[in-house]
């Protein structure tokens, strides 16, 4: 149950930050009000989602490309 609640808080926090176009640190204050565990999980999730590499992969992924960081086979 805790993990499910933390997941919901993480998703809600991301949506708040994305839709309101506010810095994700501000959106994290919302998650922090729910509880420490949820806040930490949301922070880790947001840190991954907001890294430039992940954003570039999600924007530039072609059909059939998994977006894997491995080098192409020769």
Protein backbone atom coordinates (compact mmCIF):
# COMPACT_ATOMS: atom_id res chain seq x y z
CA UNK A 1 0.00 0.00 0.00
CA UNK A 2 2.83 2.42 0.81
CA UNK A 3 4.53 1.80 -2.52
CA UNK A 4 1.27 2.41 -4.41
CA UNK A 5 0.68 5.66 -2.54
CA UNK A 6 4.27 6.75 -3.18
CA UNK A 7 3.84 6.01 -6.88
CA UNK A 8 0.67 8.10 -7.00
CA UNK A 9 2.39 10.97 -5.21
CA UNK A 10 5.31 10.77 -7.63
CA UNK A 11 3.04 10.88 -10.66
CA UNK A 12 0.92 13.68 -9.20
CA UNK A 13 4.06 15.65 -8.34
CA UNK A 14 5.39 15.27 -11.88
CA UNK A 15 2.06 16.42 -13.33
CA UNK A 16 1.96 19.47 -11.07
CA UNK A 17 5.49 20.43 -12.10
CA UNK A 18 4.90 19.72 -15.79
CA UNK A 19 1.47 21.29 -16.23
CA UNK A 20 2.14 24.35 -14.11
CA UNK A 21 5.61 24.74 -15.64
CA UNK A 22 7.09 25.35 -12.21
CA UNK A 23 10.44 24.03 -11.04
CA UNK A 24 10.14 20.45 -9.85
CA UNK A 25 11.62 21.41 -6.47
CA UNK A 26 8.50 23.51 -5.85
CA UNK A 27 6.26 20.62 -6.83
CA UNK A 28 8.18 18.40 -4.43
CA UNK A 29 6.96 20.49 -1.51
CA UNK A 30 3.51 19.11 -2.29
CA UNK A 31 4.83 15.55 -2.10
CA UNK A 32 6.81 16.41 1.02
CA UNK A 33 3.61 17.37 2.79
CA UNK A 34 2.27 13.85 2.27
CA UNK A 35 5.20 12.21 4.03
CA UNK A 36 8.94 11.62 4.05
CA UNK A 37 8.91 8.24 2.28
CA UNK A 38 6.70 9.48 -0.53
CA UNK A 39 8.78 12.63 -0.88
CA UNK A 40 12.05 10.70 -1.21
CA UNK A 41 10.63 8.35 -3.83
CA UNK A 42 9.09 11.25 -5.74
CA UNK A 43 12.43 13.11 -5.62
CA UNK A 44 14.32 10.12 -7.05
CA UNK A 45 11.71 9.66 -9.75
CA UNK A 46 11.74 13.33 -10.70
CA UNK A 47 15.54 13.47 -10.72
CA UNK A 48 15.52 10.66 -13.28
CA UNK A 49 12.73 12.19 -15.38
CA UNK A 50 14.26 15.67 -15.46
CA UNK A 51 17.77 14.64 -16.52
CA UNK A 52 18.57 15.94 -20.02
CA UNK A 53 19.57 12.43 -21.19
CA UNK A 54 16.16 10.94 -20.31
CA UNK A 55 14.34 13.88 -21.88
CA UNK A 56 16.40 13.55 -25.06
CA UNK A 57 15.76 9.81 -25.23
CA UNK A 58 12.03 10.28 -24.78
CA UNK A 59 11.91 12.97 -27.48
CA UNK A 60 14.24 11.34 -29.99
CA UNK A 61 13.28 7.68 -29.70
CA UNK A 62 12.39 6.29 -33.11
CA UNK A 63 9.94 3.47 -33.69
CA UNK A 64 11.69 0.18 -33.08
CA UNK A 65 14.38 1.87 -31.02
CA UNK A 66 14.33 0.95 -27.36
CA UNK A 67 16.35 4.02 -26.41
CA UNK A 68 18.97 1.72 -24.90
CA UNK A 69 22.24 3.40 -23.93
CA UNK A 70 24.22 0.45 -25.34
CA UNK A 71 26.29 1.03 -28.44
CA UNK A 72 25.00 -0.25 -31.73
CA UNK A 73 26.26 -3.66 -32.80
CA UNK A 74 28.84 -3.67 -35.58
